[in-house]
Structures are given as structure tokens and as C-alpha cells.
Amino acid sequence: MRVRINIKTVTYSCGKKLKQDFSRNVSPSQPRTPGRPPPLALTIAGSDCSGGAGIEADLKTFAAHGVYGMSVVTCVVAETPGKVVSIHPVPSKIVEEQMACCLWGLGGVVVKTGMLHSADTIRVVRRQLSAFGSRFSALVVDPVMVATSGARLLKRAAIRELERLIEEHADLLTPNLDEAEILAHRRIRDEEEMEAAAKEMADRFSCAVVLKGGHLRSSRRAADFLWDGEDGTWFRATRISGVKTHGTGCTYSAAIAANIAKGQTLTTSVKNAKQFVTRAIRRTVRLGPWMALGHAPLGAKKAGMRA
């Protein structure tokens, strides 16, 4: 069953050109042949022992897209889909060395950040991205601040450091509504306010923004808004009831990063990622008391998954 995504494009005028060339240093998607290197993506995030979010969700998503995934672990998190039990930060020196190992000698890597947790870790990530600027082709920042369960995943003192990271290096920012309210310093209660917040963040941080509106109560559909500095595009999908899990935000931003790594344009990357995450929610699997997203490639039929 094909998931249908309704797309409505709204064109705006904007004096500041923020549209990014996401195809730079990235080879267009083409059939794989023996010996041809695959597209590369690096996730910098926390490790979720339950496998539904963070590094684990990102790597599953990269694999489902045919992208070779690498990882830098910032935190080890003991959690289930409904509760964060504890967070153990990885020493910043180890984060620094992981990044160096993944980026040294490579080129065209699309980098995606998730849970960074502390100011020290973010400073290290900023420094390494500056040092290896020629090694990565795009940076997607998922500003992970609060878990689905409500647990805080980013220390309050680290918010300004995260903003500096976005200002200096981000090509695309993918906040949910709660994160956008913090970064845009405003309430977001409807789609009109989503558009205004996305444009404010794009102007402030000089990057494209995908504002995820899945939790917008005033909307009957799961609607996300992309603003690239010139054009606005809405991506809508039918809400899927009865699914309570986590990792949808990680999966969505990782899918966008994977599509960029494959040489897709920004709008196409977001469109295809929206289709992928909607399909993953629809194909949720039951694991005892948990529900987990189905990270199968689009078009694949998985035993035990709901169509």
C-alpha cells in the first residue's frame, strides 16, 4: 500500500537567499555496482538501548535507504519507549576522537546530529565540524531537547551552545513544535504560526527549516512545513491512531539526511522522508509491551508488520 503525501507549495519573497545546494560533493543516486562506494551519512547522537530512537533508529533508517551509516555516540541512554531511566554522557574527548575517525580521509559525508545533551559535547562537535569542514557536504540538525516521554534530553545551559552550532554549521534544522517554541521564542498553535516560526528560525540561523507539526492539536492531519528561504512547502499525511512509540523525529531527520546523501534535492528529500516515516508508523510492530517503528525500505513487505 502506497502512502500518499499531499504537497502544497506556497511561494514567498525573501530578501535573504537561504536555499542550499545540497548536491555539492554528493553523487546522484544511481544503481549500485560492485566496488562503487555507497552514499555516506554520519549520525552524532545518543544510544537508545531499546532500539527505537537515537543512533539505533538513525542507522536502521540509513540502511533502509541504501546509505552507509556511521555513528558518534554522545550519550548512553537507558530507556524504553515510555520512559527514560538514566543518561550517561560519553566523555567529550571520546566524542572528539569518534568524529575524527569517521571524517578523516572521507568526503561527501552528510552529517546528522540528534541528542547532544551538554554544552561541552556541543562545543566539541562545533570544533570538529570546523576542523573537518571539507569532509562533510551537509549538516542536518535535529535539535533534540525533550523525549516523547517528557524527559529532558538537553541541559538548559546547553541551549545557547546548540544555537551557535546551528548558526555556524547547519544547512537544515528539523525541530518539532516544542523545540521550535524554544528556538523561535514564540507560541505555535496553528499552521499559520508554524509558517511564521519556520521563517523566523531560517532568518535567524541562515539555514533551511522543516518544522514538524505532528503534535499540532488544531490540525486533523500530520502536517510539516519546509521553508528554504524562498519557498514554503507543506507536507501532509493522514494521522495514524493507536500507535504509541518513540523515535519518529529521529527517523524523519535521518531519512532526510539519507536522501540528501543520495543526491536528492532538499524538497524531494523531505517529501520522500515524510513518506518513509509515515510508512514506518503505519507498519509499527508489537514487541511485548512496546510498540516499535517499522524501518523497512519503502515497497518492502515485512513479515509481522502491519500494512
Protein backbone atom coordinates (compact mmCIF):
# COMPACT_ATOMS: atom_id res chain seq x y z
CA MET A 1 0.00 0.00 0.00
CA ARG A 2 1.49 3.31 -1.05
CA VAL A 3 1.39 6.11 1.49
CA ARG A 4 0.02 9.24 -0.12
CA ILE A 5 1.59 12.55 0.83
CA ASN A 6 -0.24 15.70 -0.19
CA ILE A 7 2.12 18.52 -1.07
CA LYS A 8 1.11 22.16 -1.32
CA THR A 9 3.76 24.69 -2.31
CA VAL A 10 3.46 28.32 -1.27
CA THR A 11 5.92 30.78 -2.76
CA TYR A 12 7.12 33.75 -0.76
CA SER A 13 9.51 36.58 -1.45
CA CYS A 14 12.54 36.80 0.82
CA GLY A 15 15.43 39.21 0.59
CA LYS A 16 17.84 36.66 2.05
CA LYS A 17 18.72 33.65 -0.06
CA LEU A 18 18.95 30.60 2.19
CA LYS A 19 18.34 27.84 -0.34
CA GLN A 20 21.20 25.38 -0.03
CA ASP A 21 22.95 23.42 -2.75
CA PHE A 22 22.57 20.03 -1.10
CA SER A 23 24.02 18.22 -4.10
CA ARG A 24 27.52 19.58 -3.62
CA ASN A 25 30.08 16.84 -3.16
CA VAL A 26 27.27 14.25 -3.28
CA SER A 27 26.94 11.77 -6.13
CA PRO A 28 23.45 11.45 -7.65
CA SER A 29 21.56 8.31 -6.67
CA GLN A 30 22.22 5.51 -9.13
CA PRO A 31 22.17 1.70 -9.20
CA ARG A 32 24.86 0.13 -7.03
CA THR A 33 27.58 -1.82 -8.77
CA PRO A 34 30.32 -3.92 -7.16
CA GLY A 35 33.14 -1.72 -5.95
CA ARG A 36 31.15 1.54 -6.16
CA PRO A 37 31.19 3.30 -2.77
CA PRO A 38 27.73 3.90 -1.30
CA PRO A 39 26.47 7.30 -0.12
CA LEU A 40 27.78 8.15 3.35
CA ALA A 41 25.94 9.52 6.38
CA LEU A 42 27.13 10.12 9.94
CA THR A 43 24.83 10.40 12.93
CA ILE A 44 26.01 12.14 16.11
CA ALA A 45 23.51 11.27 18.83
CA GLY A 46 22.64 9.24 21.90
CA SER A 47 22.32 5.46 22.02
CA ASP A 48 18.86 4.11 22.88
CA CYS A 49 19.10 0.63 24.43
CA SER A 50 15.51 -0.16 23.36
CA GLY A 51 16.45 0.35 19.71
CA GLY A 52 13.62 2.71 18.80
CA ALA A 53 15.27 6.13 18.79
CA GLY A 54 18.67 7.83 18.64
CA ILE A 55 21.67 6.17 16.98
CA GLU A 56 19.82 2.89 16.56
CA ALA A 57 16.88 4.47 14.70
CA ASP A 58 19.25 6.53 12.55
CA LEU A 59 21.36 3.56 11.47
CA LYS A 60 18.26 1.48 10.66
CA THR A 61 16.97 4.36 8.56
CA PHE A 62 20.27 4.83 6.72
CA ALA A 63 20.38 1.10 5.94
CA ALA A 64 16.79 1.13 4.67
CA HIS A 65 17.80 3.86 2.21
CA GLY A 66 20.91 2.09 0.96
CA VAL A 67 23.22 4.57 2.71
CA TYR A 68 26.33 3.53 4.61
CA GLY A 69 25.83 4.76 8.16
CA MET A 70 28.47 5.76 10.70
CA SER A 71 27.91 6.89 14.26
CA VAL A 72 29.33 9.06 17.01
CA VAL A 73 27.77 8.20 20.38
CA THR A 74 27.29 11.21 22.67
CA CYS A 75 25.33 9.52 25.47
CA VAL A 76 24.28 6.06 26.55
CA VAL A 77 20.59 6.17 27.46
CA ALA A 78 18.72 3.54 29.47
CA GLU A 79 15.14 3.85 28.27
CA THR A 80 12.02 2.21 26.93
CA PRO A 81 9.52 3.80 24.53
CA GLY A 82 7.65 5.21 27.53
CA LYS A 83 10.38 6.15 29.99
CA VAL A 84 13.94 7.48 30.18
CA VAL A 85 15.59 5.78 33.18
CA SER A 86 19.06 7.31 33.07
CA ILE A 87 21.53 9.15 30.82
CA HIS A 88 25.28 8.58 30.88
CA PRO A 89 27.23 11.19 28.84
CA VAL A 90 30.20 9.96 26.83
CA PRO A 91 33.38 11.93 27.70
CA SER A 92 33.86 14.80 25.26
CA LYS A 93 37.34 13.54 24.35
CA ILE A 94 35.81 10.28 23.10
CA VAL A 95 33.23 12.22 21.10
CA GLU A 96 36.06 14.22 19.54
CA GLU A 97 38.02 11.09 18.62
CA GLN A 98 34.95 9.35 17.19
CA MET A 99 34.30 12.29 14.88
CA ALA A 100 37.91 12.38 13.75
CA CYS A 101 37.87 8.66 12.97
CA CYS A 102 34.65 8.93 10.95
CA LEU A 103 35.52 12.07 8.95
CA TRP A 104 39.26 11.76 8.39
CA GLY A 105 40.04 10.66 4.86
CA LEU A 106 36.43 10.73 3.66
CA GLY A 107 34.48 13.23 1.61
CA GLY A 108 30.85 13.98 0.82
CA VAL A 109 29.58 12.77 4.20
CA VAL A 110 26.14 14.05 5.21
CA VAL A 111 26.13 14.64 8.96
CA LYS A 112 23.04 14.49 11.15
CA THR A 113 23.01 15.47 14.83
CA GLY A 114 20.48 14.33 17.39
CA MET A 115 20.83 14.21 21.17
CA LEU A 116 23.94 16.22 22.15
CA HIS A 117 22.90 16.67 25.79
CA SER A 118 25.57 19.04 27.16
CA ALA A 119 27.37 22.27 26.32
CA ASP A 120 30.75 20.51 26.44
CA THR A 121 29.68 17.95 23.85
CA ILE A 122 28.23 20.61 21.57
CA ARG A 123 31.43 22.65 21.74
CA VAL A 124 33.43 19.58 20.69
CA VAL A 125 31.04 18.91 17.79
CA ARG A 126 31.30 22.54 16.67
CA ARG A 127 35.08 22.42 16.80
CA GLN A 128 35.32 19.16 14.87
CA LEU A 129 32.87 20.31 12.21
CA SER A 130 35.05 23.39 11.71
CA ALA A 131 38.20 21.24 11.51
CA PHE A 132 36.66 18.79 9.03
CA GLY A 133 34.53 21.25 7.08
CA SER A 134 35.75 19.95 3.72
CA ARG A 135 34.80 16.38 4.64
CA PHE A 136 31.04 16.79 5.02
CA SER A 137 28.63 18.04 2.40
CA ALA A 138 25.64 18.99 4.55
CA LEU A 139 24.61 19.16 8.20
CA VAL A 140 21.09 18.29 9.34
CA VAL A 141 20.43 19.37 12.93
CA ASP A 142 17.62 17.65 14.80
CA PRO A 143 17.60 19.80 17.97
CA VAL A 144 16.68 17.02 20.39
CA MET A 145 15.64 18.62 23.68
CA VAL A 146 12.79 16.59 25.20
CA ALA A 147 11.93 12.90 24.80
CA THR A 148 8.47 11.71 23.77
CA SER A 149 8.04 10.58 27.38
CA GLY A 150 8.68 14.16 28.56
CA ALA A 151 12.21 13.63 29.92
CA ARG A 152 14.63 16.49 29.24
CA LEU A 153 17.44 15.37 26.92
CA LEU A 154 19.30 18.68 26.58
CA LYS A 155 20.58 20.58 29.59
CA ARG A 156 19.15 24.10 29.78
CA ALA A 157 22.65 25.58 29.91
CA ALA A 158 23.44 23.94 26.56
CA ILE A 159 20.70 25.67 24.54
CA ARG A 160 22.88 28.65 23.62
CA GLU A 161 25.70 26.34 22.52
CA LEU A 162 23.22 24.45 20.33
CA GLU A 163 22.11 27.73 18.78
CA ARG A 164 25.74 28.55 17.96
CA LEU A 165 26.14 25.14 16.31
CA ILE A 166 23.08 25.80 14.15
CA GLU A 167 24.23 29.32 13.26
CA GLU A 168 27.72 28.21 12.27
CA HIS A 169 27.18 24.91 10.50
CA ALA A 170 23.57 23.83 9.89
CA ASP A 171 22.14 23.51 6.40
CA LEU A 172 18.81 22.19 7.66
CA LEU A 173 17.08 22.42 11.05
CA THR A 174 14.28 19.93 11.90
CA PRO A 175 12.58 20.92 15.17
CA ASN A 176 9.28 19.64 16.49
CA LEU A 177 6.76 22.09 17.89
CA ASP A 178 8.16 22.14 21.44
CA GLU A 179 11.72 22.65 20.20
CA ALA A 180 10.60 25.32 17.74
CA GLU A 181 8.88 27.28 20.50
CA ILE A 182 12.18 27.36 22.40
CA LEU A 183 14.29 28.31 19.39
CA ALA A 184 11.81 30.81 17.91
CA HIS A 185 10.77 32.28 21.30
CA ARG A 186 7.08 32.12 20.44
CA ARG A 187 3.93 30.04 20.84
CA ILE A 188 2.87 27.82 17.94
CA ARG A 189 -0.80 26.87 17.95
CA ASP A 190 -1.80 26.57 14.28
CA GLU A 191 -0.38 26.23 10.79
CA GLU A 192 -0.14 29.97 10.25
CA GLU A 193 2.06 30.25 13.34
CA MET A 194 4.10 27.28 12.12
CA GLU A 195 4.91 29.15 8.92
CA ALA A 196 5.86 32.29 10.83
CA ALA A 197 8.09 30.38 13.26
CA ALA A 198 9.85 28.46 10.47
CA LYS A 199 10.66 31.69 8.63
CA GLU A 200 11.90 33.34 11.81
CA MET A 201 14.25 30.44 12.56
CA ALA A 202 15.50 30.30 8.96
CA ASP A 203 16.28 34.01 9.05
CA ARG A 204 17.94 33.84 12.45
CA PHE A 205 20.08 30.77 11.77
CA SER A 206 20.62 31.21 8.00
CA CYS A 207 19.51 27.67 7.17
CA ALA A 208 16.51 25.85 5.80
CA VAL A 209 13.89 24.65 8.32
CA VAL A 210 11.49 21.72 8.41
CA LEU A 211 9.03 22.37 11.24
CA LYS A 212 7.38 19.09 12.24
CA GLY A 213 3.73 19.55 13.18
CA GLY A 214 2.77 16.00 14.06
CA HIS A 215 1.62 17.06 17.53
CA LEU A 216 -0.35 20.12 16.40
CA ARG A 217 -3.73 19.64 18.01
CA SER A 218 -5.54 22.09 15.76
CA SER A 219 -4.67 20.08 12.63
CA ARG A 220 -6.56 16.95 11.58
CA ARG A 221 -3.54 15.73 9.60
CA ALA A 222 0.17 15.30 10.38
CA ALA A 223 1.47 18.42 8.64
CA ASP A 224 5.09 19.59 8.33
CA PHE A 225 6.31 22.85 6.82
CA LEU A 226 9.55 23.35 4.89
CA TRP A 227 10.92 26.87 4.43
CA ASP A 228 14.12 27.19 2.42
CA GLY A 229 14.35 30.98 2.49
CA GLU A 230 12.46 31.46 -0.76
CA ASP A 231 9.73 28.83 -0.98
CA GLY A 232 7.40 27.24 1.53
CA THR A 233 6.14 23.68 1.11
CA TRP A 234 3.58 21.79 3.17
CA PHE A 235 3.81 18.02 3.53
CA ARG A 236 0.67 16.35 4.90
CA ALA A 237 -0.18 12.78 5.79
CA THR A 238 -3.12 11.03 7.43
CA ARG A 239 -2.76 10.67 11.20
CA ILE A 240 -2.39 7.05 12.28
CA SER A 241 -4.24 6.37 15.51
CA GLY A 242 -3.46 3.79 18.14
CA VAL A 243 0.33 3.98 17.81
CA LYS A 244 2.32 4.96 20.91
CA THR A 245 6.06 4.76 20.38
CA HIS A 246 9.13 6.97 20.08
CA GLY A 247 11.84 7.73 17.54
CA THR A 248 9.67 9.26 14.81
CA GLY A 249 11.63 12.53 14.89
CA CYS A 250 14.98 10.73 14.74
CA THR A 251 13.75 8.54 11.88
CA TYR A 252 12.36 11.51 9.94
CA SER A 253 15.53 13.62 10.13
CA ALA A 254 17.74 10.59 9.43
CA ALA A 255 15.67 9.81 6.33
CA ILE A 256 16.09 13.39 5.11
CA ALA A 257 19.86 13.12 5.65
CA ALA A 258 19.96 9.79 3.79
CA ASN A 259 18.08 11.23 0.84
CA ILE A 260 20.41 14.23 0.69
CA ALA A 261 23.37 11.82 0.73
CA LYS A 262 21.83 10.09 -2.29
CA GLY A 263 21.87 13.38 -4.20
CA GLN A 264 18.20 14.33 -3.93
CA THR A 265 17.11 17.97 -3.77
CA LEU A 266 16.01 19.33 -0.41
CA THR A 267 12.29 19.33 -1.24
CA THR A 268 12.44 15.81 -2.67
CA SER A 269 14.47 14.63 0.33
CA VAL A 270 11.82 15.90 2.73
CA LYS A 271 8.94 14.55 0.63
CA ASN A 272 10.44 11.07 0.50
CA ALA A 273 11.38 11.16 4.19
CA LYS A 274 7.81 12.11 5.09
CA GLN A 275 6.57 9.13 3.11
CA PHE A 276 9.12 6.86 4.80
CA VAL A 277 8.30 7.88 8.38
CA THR A 278 4.55 7.70 7.71
CA ARG A 279 5.04 4.18 6.39
CA ALA A 280 7.19 3.30 9.43
CA ILE A 281 4.42 4.45 11.77
CA ARG A 282 1.82 2.52 9.78
CA ARG A 283 3.98 -0.62 9.95
CA THR A 284 4.61 -0.42 13.68
CA VAL A 285 5.44 -3.77 15.28
CA ARG A 286 4.39 -5.03 18.70
CA LEU A 287 7.31 -6.11 20.92
CA GLY A 288 5.76 -7.36 24.13
CA PRO A 289 4.64 -4.23 25.99
CA TRP A 290 6.33 -1.92 23.43
CA MET A 291 5.45 -0.63 20.00
CA ALA A 292 8.35 -0.01 17.60
CA LEU A 293 8.52 1.69 14.22
CA GLY A 294 8.87 -0.49 11.14
CA HIS A 295 12.06 0.71 9.45
CA ALA A 296 11.68 -1.44 6.32
CA PRO A 297 12.60 0.13 2.95
CA LEU A 298 9.67 1.65 1.09
CA GLY A 299 7.96 -1.01 -1.00
CA ALA A 300 9.27 -3.87 1.13
CA LYS A 301 6.91 -6.43 2.64
CA LYS A 302 7.91 -7.42 6.14
CA ALA A 303 6.58 -10.44 7.96
CA GLY A 304 4.90 -9.45 11.20
CA MET A 305 4.42 -5.82 10.15
CA ARG A 306 1.03 -4.27 9.68
CA ALA A 307 0.45 -2.86 6.20
